[in-house]
Amino acid sequence: MSPGAETTRPATEISVVVPIYNEGPNLRELHRRIVATLEALGRSFEIVAVDDGSSDGSVETLKAIRAEDPRLRVVQLARNFGQGPAIYAGFAHVRGKIVCLLDADLQNPPEELPKLIAKIDEGYDYVGGRRHGRHESFSRRLGSQFLNYIIRRTTRTAFYDMGCALKAFRREVTDHLVRFTHHSRYLPVDLAWLGVRMIEVEVAHNERAVGESKYGPLKLLRTSFDLVTGITSAPLQFLSPLGFVFATVGFLMAIRVLYVRLIHGDNSQIATVVALFFVLSGVQLIATGLMCEYISRIYVEVQNRPYYVVKDVDE
């Protein structure tokens, strides 16, 4: 369904988008807490649950809840496309004037949503949560801090927790986001590109009660690499000065080997040459790998495939 199709339907005040992948045990509690929080605000709302190819019965649970509460709408993707596509699919199906984003794992309490909504009411276009007292392993926190550092440097924005699942947007912002056609999408980068008025607010963070995190240290590292290569050509630009440095070192080492051989008659410099060969070969392979990464991204973009495919919408 295209984003424009939603503009002809009655608008509501608040839409809560929840990407879901194998979170079945959390769904009823999640729904109960979102409803209780938003009903207390006294404003009309809807919940847009996007199932990202779950295999644990999450869809059946969502449809059962939908039968009890029509304010829940279920968007089912054709397969597991990833959290990013699931989020953008939710944005494409919202009706609300304020769009909130929330993970289904309950680590970010739904009770914190009013803090973000209040900031949108003050005139901000985007409000991000900044987790306080994070309940995560040291390796996970370290990876998250590294990723946030990269985001700050590449987007030149003063945000410190772009990985927090609690976010709120003015509807005009999400309408712009769903019109993007590129595949290497990173929400913080897209927001910075739009030039919207942004702020962070402190929110609570709980331990995960059920299930396992979908983002381990290795995935965070891969996300960092994808982020850098997806939005900037800096790694390629870094290769030229790196190549110059190694070429200079190689030239100086060659002079040393020649000097030792001519002056001292020492022909046993083969170990130095072999070591240098392996170093330069490693640099060359890294450079080739980076170029292949960029070429593969070009390949994905020129295929012009959709970012996600919607299998069914229960509304």
C-alpha atoms as a PDB file:
ATOM      1  CA  MET A   1       0.000   0.000   0.000  1.00  0.00           C
ATOM      2  CA  SER A   2       1.431   3.404  -0.910  1.00  0.00           C
ATOM      3  CA  PRO A   3       1.880   6.134   1.722  1.00  0.00           C
ATOM      4  CA  GLY A   4      -0.488   8.414  -0.137  1.00  0.00           C
ATOM      5  CA  ALA A   5      -3.349   5.951   0.255  1.00  0.00           C
ATOM      6  CA  GLU A   6      -3.544   6.771   3.965  1.00  0.00           C
ATOM      7  CA  THR A   7      -4.196  10.488   3.452  1.00  0.00           C
ATOM      8  CA  THR A   8      -7.831   9.903   2.470  1.00  0.00           C
ATOM      9  CA  ARG A   9      -8.661   8.181   5.765  1.00  0.00           C
ATOM     10  CA  PRO A  10      -9.709   9.831   9.029  1.00  0.00           C
ATOM     11  CA  ALA A  11      -6.695  11.120  10.941  1.00  0.00           C
ATOM     12  CA  THR A  12      -6.050  10.353  14.575  1.00  0.00           C
ATOM     13  CA  GLU A  13      -3.866  12.320  16.947  1.00  0.00           C
ATOM     14  CA  ILE A  14      -1.202   9.754  17.863  1.00  0.00           C
ATOM     15  CA  SER A  15       0.158   6.717  16.030  1.00  0.00           C
ATOM     16  CA  VAL A  16       2.512   4.278  17.759  1.00  0.00           C
ATOM     17  CA  VAL A  17       4.612   2.181  15.358  1.00  0.00           C
ATOM     18  CA  VAL A  18       5.939  -1.085  16.796  1.00  0.00           C
ATOM     19  CA  PRO A  19       8.276  -3.256  14.655  1.00  0.00           C
ATOM     20  CA  ILE A  20       7.977  -6.884  15.774  1.00  0.00           C
ATOM     21  CA  TYR A  21      10.163  -9.910  15.159  1.00  0.00           C
ATOM     22  CA  ASN A  22       9.540 -12.994  17.322  1.00  0.00           C
ATOM     23  CA  GLU A  23       8.244 -11.078  20.338  1.00  0.00           C
ATOM     24  CA  GLY A  24       5.082 -13.123  20.910  1.00  0.00           C
ATOM     25  CA  PRO A  25       5.325 -13.438  24.725  1.00  0.00           C
ATOM     26  CA  ASN A  26       5.557  -9.646  25.136  1.00  0.00           C
ATOM     27  CA  LEU A  27       2.707  -8.564  22.884  1.00  0.00           C
ATOM     28  CA  ARG A  28      -0.311  -8.630  25.210  1.00  0.00           C
ATOM     29  CA  GLU A  29       1.560  -6.851  28.008  1.00  0.00           C
ATOM     30  CA  LEU A  30       2.926  -4.353  25.479  1.00  0.00           C
ATOM     31  CA  HIS A  31      -0.549  -3.626  24.133  1.00  0.00           C
ATOM     32  CA  ARG A  32      -2.012  -3.249  27.615  1.00  0.00           C
ATOM     33  CA  ARG A  33       0.630  -0.751  28.705  1.00  0.00           C
ATOM     34  CA  ILE A  34       0.496   1.327  25.511  1.00  0.00           C
ATOM     35  CA  VAL A  35      -3.289   1.566  25.739  1.00  0.00           C
ATOM     36  CA  ALA A  36      -3.237   2.489  29.441  1.00  0.00           C
ATOM     37  CA  THR A  37      -0.604   5.181  28.842  1.00  0.00           C
ATOM     38  CA  LEU A  38      -2.310   6.824  25.874  1.00  0.00           C
ATOM     39  CA  GLU A  39      -5.827   6.581  27.290  1.00  0.00           C
ATOM     40  CA  ALA A  40      -4.566   8.550  30.287  1.00  0.00           C
ATOM     41  CA  LEU A  41      -3.631  11.380  27.906  1.00  0.00           C
ATOM     42  CA  GLY A  42      -7.215  11.607  26.699  1.00  0.00           C
ATOM     43  CA  ARG A  43      -6.201  11.786  23.038  1.00  0.00           C
ATOM     44  CA  SER A  44      -7.185   9.582  20.115  1.00  0.00           C
ATOM     45  CA  PHE A  45      -4.573   7.042  19.091  1.00  0.00           C
ATOM     46  CA  GLU A  46      -3.781   3.932  17.094  1.00  0.00           C
ATOM     47  CA  ILE A  47      -1.116   1.237  17.317  1.00  0.00           C
ATOM     48  CA  VAL A  48       0.514   0.100  14.069  1.00  0.00           C
ATOM     49  CA  ALA A  49       2.221  -3.250  14.686  1.00  0.00           C
ATOM     50  CA  VAL A  50       4.539  -4.315  11.847  1.00  0.00           C
ATOM     51  CA  ASP A  51       5.368  -8.023  11.869  1.00  0.00           C
ATOM     52  CA  ASP A  52       8.767  -8.515  10.256  1.00  0.00           C
ATOM     53  CA  GLY A  53       8.423 -12.178   9.262  1.00  0.00           C
ATOM     54  CA  SER A  54       8.046 -13.633  12.773  1.00  0.00           C
ATOM     55  CA  SER A  55       8.007 -17.404  13.148  1.00  0.00           C
ATOM     56  CA  ASP A  56       6.860 -17.685  16.779  1.00  0.00           C
ATOM     57  CA  GLY A  57       3.140 -17.019  16.350  1.00  0.00           C
ATOM     58  CA  SER A  58       3.400 -13.246  16.814  1.00  0.00           C
ATOM     59  CA  VAL A  59       1.015 -12.619  13.908  1.00  0.00           C
ATOM     60  CA  GLU A  60      -1.684 -14.830  15.393  1.00  0.00           C
ATOM     61  CA  THR A  61      -1.337 -13.074  18.748  1.00  0.00           C
ATOM     62  CA  LEU A  62      -1.558  -9.663  17.094  1.00  0.00           C
ATOM     63  CA  LYS A  63      -4.694 -10.619  15.176  1.00  0.00           C
ATOM     64  CA  ALA A  64      -6.292 -11.949  18.360  1.00  0.00           C
ATOM     65  CA  ILE A  65      -5.600  -8.625  20.081  1.00  0.00           C
ATOM     66  CA  ARG A  66      -6.880  -6.789  17.014  1.00  0.00           C
ATOM     67  CA  ALA A  67     -10.195  -8.653  17.323  1.00  0.00           C
ATOM     68  CA  GLU A  68     -10.516  -7.232  20.851  1.00  0.00           C
ATOM     69  CA  ASP A  69      -9.235  -3.727  20.128  1.00  0.00           C
ATOM     70  CA  PRO A  70      -9.681  -2.214  16.639  1.00  0.00           C
ATOM     71  CA  ARG A  71      -7.231   0.555  17.499  1.00  0.00           C
ATOM     72  CA  LEU A  72      -4.501  -2.006  16.809  1.00  0.00           C
ATOM     73  CA  ARG A  73      -3.649  -2.328  13.120  1.00  0.00           C
ATOM     74  CA  VAL A  74      -1.412  -5.158  11.896  1.00  0.00           C
ATOM     75  CA  VAL A  75       0.945  -4.781   8.928  1.00  0.00           C
ATOM     76  CA  GLN A  76       2.503  -8.100   7.941  1.00  0.00           C
ATOM     77  CA  LEU A  77       5.645  -8.112   5.794  1.00  0.00           C
ATOM     78  CA  ALA A  78       6.247 -10.918   3.303  1.00  0.00           C
ATOM     79  CA  ARG A  79       9.433 -12.052   5.080  1.00  0.00           C
ATOM     80  CA  ASN A  80      12.063 -10.841   7.509  1.00  0.00           C
ATOM     81  CA  PHE A  81      13.406  -7.648   5.910  1.00  0.00           C
ATOM     82  CA  GLY A  82      15.008  -6.207   9.053  1.00  0.00           C
ATOM     83  CA  GLN A  83      14.118  -3.606  11.624  1.00  0.00           C
ATOM     84  CA  GLY A  84      14.741  -0.634   9.331  1.00  0.00           C
ATOM     85  CA  PRO A  85      12.298  -1.710   6.598  1.00  0.00           C
ATOM     86  CA  ALA A  86       9.739  -2.663   9.267  1.00  0.00           C
ATOM     87  CA  ILE A  87       9.950   0.841  10.747  1.00  0.00           C
ATOM     88  CA  TYR A  88       9.520   2.522   7.382  1.00  0.00           C
ATOM     89  CA  ALA A  89       6.605   0.200   6.565  1.00  0.00           C
ATOM     90  CA  GLY A  90       4.956   1.382   9.764  1.00  0.00           C
ATOM     91  CA  PHE A  91       5.566   5.011   8.840  1.00  0.00           C
ATOM     92  CA  ALA A  92       3.880   4.374   5.489  1.00  0.00           C
ATOM     93  CA  HIS A  93       0.658   3.200   7.196  1.00  0.00           C
ATOM     94  CA  VAL A  94       0.193   5.696  10.028  1.00  0.00           C
ATOM     95  CA  ARG A  95      -2.764   8.070  10.300  1.00  0.00           C
ATOM     96  CA  GLY A  96      -1.733  10.114  13.323  1.00  0.00           C
ATOM     97  CA  LYS A  97      -0.461  13.684  13.442  1.00  0.00           C
ATOM     98  CA  ILE A  98       2.212  12.578  15.920  1.00  0.00           C
ATOM     99  CA  VAL A  99       4.088   9.351  15.170  1.00  0.00           C
ATOM    100  CA  CYS A 100       5.799   7.483  18.005  1.00  0.00           C
ATOM    101  CA  LEU A 101       8.234   4.600  17.619  1.00  0.00           C
ATOM    102  CA  LEU A 102       8.615   1.853  20.205  1.00  0.00           C
ATOM    103  CA  ASP A 103      10.275  -1.581  20.311  1.00  0.00           C
ATOM    104  CA  ALA A 104       8.261  -4.600  21.415  1.00  0.00           C
ATOM    105  CA  ASP A 105      10.759  -5.902  23.986  1.00  0.00           C
ATOM    106  CA  LEU A 106       9.490  -3.593  26.781  1.00  0.00           C
ATOM    107  CA  GLN A 107      13.008  -2.481  27.668  1.00  0.00           C
ATOM    108  CA  ASN A 108      11.868   1.047  26.871  1.00  0.00           C
ATOM    109  CA  PRO A 109       8.678   1.497  28.935  1.00  0.00           C
ATOM    110  CA  PRO A 110       5.600   2.690  26.996  1.00  0.00           C
ATOM    111  CA  GLU A 111       4.860   4.849  30.058  1.00  0.00           C
ATOM    112  CA  GLU A 112       7.621   7.211  28.849  1.00  0.00           C
ATOM    113  CA  LEU A 113       5.771   8.096  25.632  1.00  0.00           C
ATOM    114  CA  PRO A 114       4.047  11.200  27.125  1.00  0.00           C
ATOM    115  CA  LYS A 115       7.485  12.810  27.679  1.00  0.00           C
ATOM    116  CA  LEU A 116       8.202  12.632  23.970  1.00  0.00           C
ATOM    117  CA  ILE A 117       4.721  13.687  22.919  1.00  0.00           C
ATOM    118  CA  ALA A 118       4.930  16.753  25.170  1.00  0.00           C
ATOM    119  CA  LYS A 119       8.103  17.875  23.364  1.00  0.00           C
ATOM    120  CA  ILE A 120       6.421  17.462  19.982  1.00  0.00           C
ATOM    121  CA  ASP A 121       3.592  19.643  21.296  1.00  0.00           C
ATOM    122  CA  GLU A 122       6.218  22.263  22.176  1.00  0.00           C
ATOM    123  CA  GLY A 123       7.151  22.506  18.499  1.00  0.00           C
ATOM    124  CA  TYR A 124       9.973  20.004  17.961  1.00  0.00           C
ATOM    125  CA  ASP A 125       9.891  17.885  14.797  1.00  0.00           C
ATOM    126  CA  TYR A 126      11.732  14.900  16.284  1.00  0.00           C
ATOM    127  CA  VAL A 127      12.245  13.780  19.877  1.00  0.00           C
ATOM    128  CA  GLY A 128      14.602  10.936  20.776  1.00  0.00           C
ATOM    129  CA  GLY A 129      14.885   9.093  24.043  1.00  0.00           C
ATOM    130  CA  ARG A 130      18.164   8.985  25.943  1.00  0.00           C
ATOM    131  CA  ARG A 131      18.288   5.873  28.111  1.00  0.00           C
ATOM    132  CA  HIS A 132      19.032   6.340  31.786  1.00  0.00           C
ATOM    133  CA  GLY A 133      20.409   3.442  33.847  1.00  0.00           C
ATOM    134  CA  ARG A 134      20.816   1.107  30.890  1.00  0.00           C
ATOM    135  CA  HIS A 135      20.477  -2.605  31.671  1.00  0.00           C
ATOM    136  CA  GLU A 136      22.898  -4.027  29.132  1.00  0.00           C
ATOM    137  CA  SER A 137      26.217  -5.852  29.060  1.00  0.00           C
ATOM    138  CA  PHE A 138      29.451  -3.871  28.950  1.00  0.00           C
ATOM    139  CA  SER A 139      30.216  -5.038  25.390  1.00  0.00           C
ATOM    140  CA  ARG A 140      26.757  -3.956  24.225  1.00  0.00           C
ATOM    141  CA  ARG A 141      27.089  -0.516  25.847  1.00  0.00           C
ATOM    142  CA  LEU A 142      30.579  -0.091  24.395  1.00  0.00           C
ATOM    143  CA  GLY A 143      29.376  -0.984  20.901  1.00  0.00           C
ATOM    144  CA  SER A 144      26.424   1.375  21.233  1.00  0.00           C
ATOM    145  CA  GLN A 145      28.663   4.244  22.369  1.00  0.00           C
ATOM    146  CA  PHE A 146      30.966   3.650  19.405  1.00  0.00           C
ATOM    147  CA  LEU A 147      28.030   3.673  16.995  1.00  0.00           C
ATOM    148  CA  ASN A 148      26.642   6.873  18.511  1.00  0.00           C
ATOM    149  CA  TYR A 149      30.073   8.481  18.194  1.00  0.00           C
ATOM    150  CA  ILE A 150      30.160   7.636  14.487  1.00  0.00           C
ATOM    151  CA  ILE A 151      26.658   9.046  14.022  1.00  0.00           C
ATOM    152  CA  ARG A 152      27.584  12.296  15.781  1.00  0.00           C
ATOM    153  CA  ARG A 153      30.700  12.715  13.654  1.00  0.00           C
ATOM    154  CA  THR A 154      28.987  11.945  10.344  1.00  0.00           C
ATOM    155  CA  THR A 155      25.777  13.910  10.970  1.00  0.00           C
ATOM    156  CA  ARG A 156      27.285  16.688  13.119  1.00  0.00           C
ATOM    157  CA  THR A 157      24.393  16.468  15.565  1.00  0.00           C
ATOM    158  CA  ALA A 158      24.681  16.516  19.362  1.00  0.00           C
ATOM    159  CA  PHE A 159      22.877  13.232  20.032  1.00  0.00           C
ATOM    160  CA  TYR A 160      24.174  10.592  22.382  1.00  0.00           C
ATOM    161  CA  ASP A 161      21.649   7.746  22.179  1.00  0.00           C
ATOM    162  CA  MET A 162      20.295   7.346  18.673  1.00  0.00           C
ATOM    163  CA  GLY A 163      19.902   3.621  19.368  1.00  0.00           C
ATOM    164  CA  CYS A 164      17.091   4.213  21.841  1.00  0.00           C
ATOM    165  CA  ALA A 165      13.872   2.697  20.496  1.00  0.00           C
ATOM    166  CA  LEU A 166      11.683   5.445  21.965  1.00  0.00           C
ATOM    167  CA  LYS A 167      11.222   8.195  19.393  1.00  0.00           C
ATOM    168  CA  ALA A 168       8.511  10.635  18.346  1.00  0.00           C
ATOM    169  CA  PHE A 169       8.049  12.515  15.089  1.00  0.00           C
ATOM    170  CA  ARG A 170       5.810  15.111  13.641  1.00  0.00           C
ATOM    171  CA  ARG A 171       3.785  13.487  10.847  1.00  0.00           C
ATOM    172  CA  GLU A 172       5.335  15.734   8.214  1.00  0.00           C
ATOM    173  CA  VAL A 173       8.738  14.246   9.032  1.00  0.00           C
ATOM    174  CA  THR A 174       7.673  10.625   8.550  1.00  0.00           C
ATOM    175  CA  ASP A 175       5.909  11.597   5.318  1.00  0.00           C
ATOM    176  CA  HIS A 176       9.259  12.864   4.029  1.00  0.00           C
ATOM    177  CA  LEU A 177      11.063   9.734   5.237  1.00  0.00           C
ATOM    178  CA  VAL A 178       8.802   7.286   3.399  1.00  0.00           C
ATOM    179  CA  ARG A 179       9.464   9.101   0.115  1.00  0.00           C
ATOM    180  CA  PHE A 180      13.151   8.193   0.260  1.00  0.00           C
ATOM    181  CA  THR A 181      14.110   5.532  -2.278  1.00  0.00           C
ATOM    182  CA  HIS A 182      17.642   4.533  -1.221  1.00  0.00           C
ATOM    183  CA  HIS A 183      18.230   1.207   0.550  1.00  0.00           C
ATOM    184  CA  SER A 184      21.087   2.186   2.885  1.00  0.00           C
ATOM    185  CA  ARG A 185      18.764   3.953   5.296  1.00  0.00           C
ATOM    186  CA  TYR A 186      19.725   5.029   8.791  1.00  0.00           C
ATOM    187  CA  LEU A 187      17.088   7.008  10.620  1.00  0.00           C
ATOM    188  CA  PRO A 188      19.474   9.415  12.430  1.00  0.00           C
ATOM    189  CA  VAL A 189      21.258  10.218   9.177  1.00  0.00           C
ATOM    190  CA  ASP A 190      18.017  10.743   7.261  1.00  0.00           C
ATOM    191  CA  LEU A 191      16.727  13.032  10.013  1.00  0.00           C
ATOM    192  CA  ALA A 192      19.929  15.087   9.981  1.00  0.00           C
ATOM    193  CA  TRP A 193      19.680  15.389   6.200  1.00  0.00           C
ATOM    194  CA  LEU A 194      16.118  16.712   6.493  1.00  0.00           C
ATOM    195  CA  GLY A 195      17.299  19.426   8.857  1.00  0.00           C
ATOM    196  CA  VAL A 196      14.440  18.968  11.319  1.00  0.00           C
ATOM    197  CA  ARG A 197      14.306  20.519  14.800  1.00  0.00           C
ATOM    198  CA  MET A 198      15.472  17.774  17.176  1.00  0.00           C
ATOM    199  CA  ILE A 199      15.914  17.191  20.904  1.00  0.00           C
ATOM    200  CA  GLU A 200      16.677  14.302  23.277  1.00  0.00           C
ATOM    201  CA  VAL A 201      14.874  13.591  26.551  1.00  0.00           C
ATOM    202  CA  GLU A 202      15.923  11.194  29.301  1.00  0.00           C
ATOM    203  CA  VAL A 203      13.844   8.019  29.544  1.00  0.00           C
ATOM    204  CA  ALA A 204      13.916   4.909  31.702  1.00  0.00           C
ATOM    205  CA  HIS A 205      15.385   1.611  30.542  1.00  0.00           C
ATOM    206  CA  ASN A 206      14.437  -1.832  31.863  1.00  0.00           C
ATOM    207  CA  GLU A 207      15.933  -5.288  31.628  1.00  0.00           C
ATOM    208  CA  ARG A 208      14.513  -7.565  28.976  1.00  0.00           C
ATOM    209  CA  ALA A 209      12.093  -9.910  30.743  1.00  0.00           C
ATOM    210  CA  VAL A 210      11.415 -12.347  27.886  1.00  0.00           C
ATOM    211  CA  GLY A 211      13.338 -13.325  24.749  1.00  0.00           C
ATOM    212  CA  GLU A 212      16.776 -12.312  23.528  1.00  0.00           C
ATOM    213  CA  SER A 213      18.179  -9.126  22.082  1.00  0.00           C
ATOM    214  CA  LYS A 214      18.418  -9.028  18.293  1.00  0.00           C
ATOM    215  CA  TYR A 215      21.484  -6.753  18.477  1.00  0.00           C
ATOM    216  CA  GLY A 216      24.663  -8.355  19.783  1.00  0.00           C
ATOM    217  CA  PRO A 217      28.161  -6.800  19.715  1.00  0.00           C
ATOM    218  CA  LEU A 218      28.973  -8.277  16.293  1.00  0.00           C
ATOM    219  CA  LYS A 219      25.765  -6.934  14.767  1.00  0.00           C
ATOM    220  CA  LEU A 220      26.456  -3.508  16.247  1.00  0.00           C
ATOM    221  CA  LEU A 221      29.930  -3.625  14.688  1.00  0.00           C
ATOM    222  CA  ARG A 222      28.438  -4.567  11.328  1.00  0.00           C
ATOM    223  CA  THR A 223      25.875  -1.785  11.665  1.00  0.00           C
ATOM    224  CA  SER A 224      28.686   0.694  12.333  1.00  0.00           C
ATOM    225  CA  PHE A 225      30.518  -0.451   9.202  1.00  0.00           C
ATOM    226  CA  ASP A 226      27.323  -0.297   7.124  1.00  0.00           C
ATOM    227  CA  LEU A 227      26.617   3.169   8.468  1.00  0.00           C
ATOM    228  CA  VAL A 228      30.009   4.550   7.509  1.00  0.00           C
ATOM    229  CA  THR A 229      30.115   2.964   4.044  1.00  0.00           C
ATOM    230  CA  GLY A 230      26.435   3.711   3.416  1.00  0.00           C
ATOM    231  CA  ILE A 231      26.521   7.467   3.947  1.00  0.00           C
ATOM    232  CA  THR A 232      30.076   8.625   3.278  1.00  0.00           C
ATOM    233  CA  SER A 233      33.011   7.927   0.987  1.00  0.00           C
ATOM    234  CA  ALA A 234      35.486   8.673   3.800  1.00  0.00           C
ATOM    235  CA  PRO A 235      36.968   5.122   3.870  1.00  0.00           C
ATOM    236  CA  LEU A 236      37.844   5.359   0.186  1.00  0.00           C
ATOM    237  CA  GLN A 237      39.290   8.843   0.649  1.00  0.00           C
ATOM    238  CA  PHE A 238      41.413   7.495   3.503  1.00  0.00           C
ATOM    239  CA  LEU A 239      43.014   4.889   1.247  1.00  0.00           C
ATOM    240  CA  SER A 240      45.057   7.389  -0.809  1.00  0.00           C
ATOM    241  CA  PRO A 241      47.036   8.885   2.105  1.00  0.00           C
ATOM    242  CA  LEU A 242      47.373   5.401   3.631  1.00  0.00           C
ATOM    243  CA  GLY A 243      48.817   4.118   0.368  1.00  0.00           C
ATOM    244  CA  PHE A 244      51.230   7.051   0.252  1.00  0.00           C
ATOM    245  CA  VAL A 245      52.427   6.308   3.813  1.00  0.00           C
ATOM    246  CA  PHE A 246      53.050   2.640   3.074  1.00  0.00           C
ATOM    247  CA  ALA A 247      54.733   3.441  -0.231  1.00  0.00           C
ATOM    248  CA  THR A 248      57.081   5.804   1.627  1.00  0.00           C
ATOM    249  CA  VAL A 249      57.815   3.197   4.293  1.00  0.00           C
ATOM    250  CA  GLY A 250      58.448   0.582   1.597  1.00  0.00           C
ATOM    251  CA  PHE A 251      60.814   2.906  -0.251  1.00  0.00           C
ATOM    252  CA  LEU A 252      62.782   3.663   2.930  1.00  0.00           C
ATOM    253  CA  MET A 253      63.025  -0.031   3.794  1.00  0.00           C
ATOM    254  CA  ALA A 254      64.257  -0.802   0.296  1.00  0.00           C
ATOM    255  CA  ILE A 255      67.037   1.784   0.730  1.00  0.00           C
ATOM    256  CA  ARG A 256      67.965   0.193   4.069  1.00  0.00           C
ATOM    257  CA  VAL A 257      68.158  -3.306   2.558  1.00  0.00           C
ATOM    258  CA  LEU A 258      70.315  -1.991  -0.294  1.00  0.00           C
ATOM    259  CA  TYR A 259      72.583  -0.134   2.123  1.00  0.00           C
ATOM    260  CA  VAL A 260      73.114  -3.168   4.379  1.00  0.00           C
ATOM    261  CA  ARG A 261      73.840  -5.361   1.391  1.00  0.00           C
ATOM    262  CA  LEU A 262      76.369  -2.984  -0.228  1.00  0.00           C
ATOM    263  CA  ILE A 263      78.175  -1.817   2.919  1.00  0.00           C
ATOM    264  CA  HIS A 264      78.083  -4.912   5.101  1.00  0.00           C
ATOM    265  CA  GLY A 265      77.602  -7.590   2.486  1.00  0.00           C
ATOM    266  CA  ASP A 266      74.619  -8.942   4.426  1.00  0.00           C
ATOM    267  CA  ASN A 267      72.262 -10.888   2.192  1.00  0.00           C
ATOM    268  CA  SER A 268      69.902 -12.032   4.972  1.00  0.00           C
ATOM    269  CA  GLN A 269      67.351  -9.246   4.626  1.00  0.00           C
ATOM    270  CA  ILE A 270      64.752 -11.576   3.151  1.00  0.00           C
ATOM    271  CA  ALA A 271      62.744 -11.621   6.418  1.00  0.00           C
ATOM    272  CA  THR A 272      62.266  -7.837   6.245  1.00  0.00           C
ATOM    273  CA  VAL A 273      61.174  -8.035   2.636  1.00  0.00           C
ATOM    274  CA  VAL A 274      58.702 -10.845   3.370  1.00  0.00           C
ATOM    275  CA  ALA A 275      57.228  -8.940   6.327  1.00  0.00           C
ATOM    276  CA  LEU A 276      56.824  -5.830   4.207  1.00  0.00           C
ATOM    277  CA  PHE A 277      55.221  -7.878   1.449  1.00  0.00           C
ATOM    278  CA  PHE A 278      52.572  -9.255   3.806  1.00  0.00           C
ATOM    279  CA  VAL A 279      51.826  -5.803   5.255  1.00  0.00           C
ATOM    280  CA  LEU A 280      51.372  -4.264   1.831  1.00  0.00           C
ATOM    281  CA  SER A 281      49.307  -7.232   0.664  1.00  0.00           C
ATOM    282  CA  GLY A 282      47.027  -6.806   3.674  1.00  0.00           C
ATOM    283  CA  VAL A 283      46.517  -3.115   2.916  1.00  0.00           C
ATOM    284  CA  GLN A 284      45.773  -3.946  -0.715  1.00  0.00           C
ATOM    285  CA  LEU A 285      43.175  -6.546   0.277  1.00  0.00           C
ATOM    286  CA  ILE A 286      41.509  -4.089   2.678  1.00  0.00           C
ATOM    287  CA  ALA A 287      41.378  -1.481  -0.079  1.00  0.00           C
ATOM    288  CA  THR A 288      39.908  -4.006  -2.511  1.00  0.00           C
ATOM    289  CA  GLY A 289      37.331  -5.085   0.069  1.00  0.00           C
ATOM    290  CA  LEU A 290      36.213  -1.504   0.657  1.00  0.00           C
ATOM    291  CA  MET A 291      35.837  -0.854  -3.055  1.00  0.00           C
ATOM    292  CA  CYS A 292      33.830  -4.072  -3.424  1.00  0.00           C
ATOM    293  CA  GLU A 293      31.574  -2.948  -0.558  1.00  0.00           C
ATOM    294  CA  TYR A 294      30.779   0.295  -2.354  1.00  0.00           C
ATOM    295  CA  ILE A 295      30.284  -1.504  -5.663  1.00  0.00           C
ATOM    296  CA  SER A 296      27.866  -3.947  -4.012  1.00  0.00           C
ATOM    297  CA  ARG A 297      25.838  -1.014  -2.686  1.00  0.00           C
ATOM    298  CA  ILE A 298      25.645   0.446  -6.166  1.00  0.00           C
ATOM    299  CA  TYR A 299      24.492  -2.975  -7.412  1.00  0.00           C
ATOM    300  CA  VAL A 300      21.700  -3.089  -4.824  1.00  0.00           C
ATOM    301  CA  GLU A 301      20.521   0.429  -5.630  1.00  0.00           C
ATOM    302  CA  VAL A 302      20.406  -0.028  -9.420  1.00  0.00           C
ATOM    303  CA  GLN A 303      18.229  -3.133  -9.031  1.00  0.00           C
ATOM    304  CA  ASN A 304      15.527  -0.771  -7.801  1.00  0.00           C
ATOM    305  CA  ARG A 305      13.813  -3.395  -5.662  1.00  0.00           C
ATOM    306  CA  PRO A 306      11.323  -2.215  -3.027  1.00  0.00           C
ATOM    307  CA  TYR A 307      12.670  -1.626   0.477  1.00  0.00           C
ATOM    308  CA  TYR A 308      10.044  -4.045   1.827  1.00  0.00           C
ATOM    309  CA  VAL A 309       7.016  -5.999   0.621  1.00  0.00           C
ATOM    310  CA  VAL A 310       3.725  -5.920   2.513  1.00  0.00           C
ATOM    311  CA  LYS A 311       1.953  -9.283   2.597  1.00  0.00           C
ATOM    312  CA  ASP A 312      -1.202  -8.250   4.440  1.00  0.00           C
ATOM    313  CA  VAL A 313      -2.721  -5.324   6.320  1.00  0.00           C
ATOM    314  CA  ASP A 314      -5.335  -6.084   8.974  1.00  0.00           C
ATOM    315  CA  GLU A 315      -7.160  -2.861   9.743  1.00  0.00           C
END
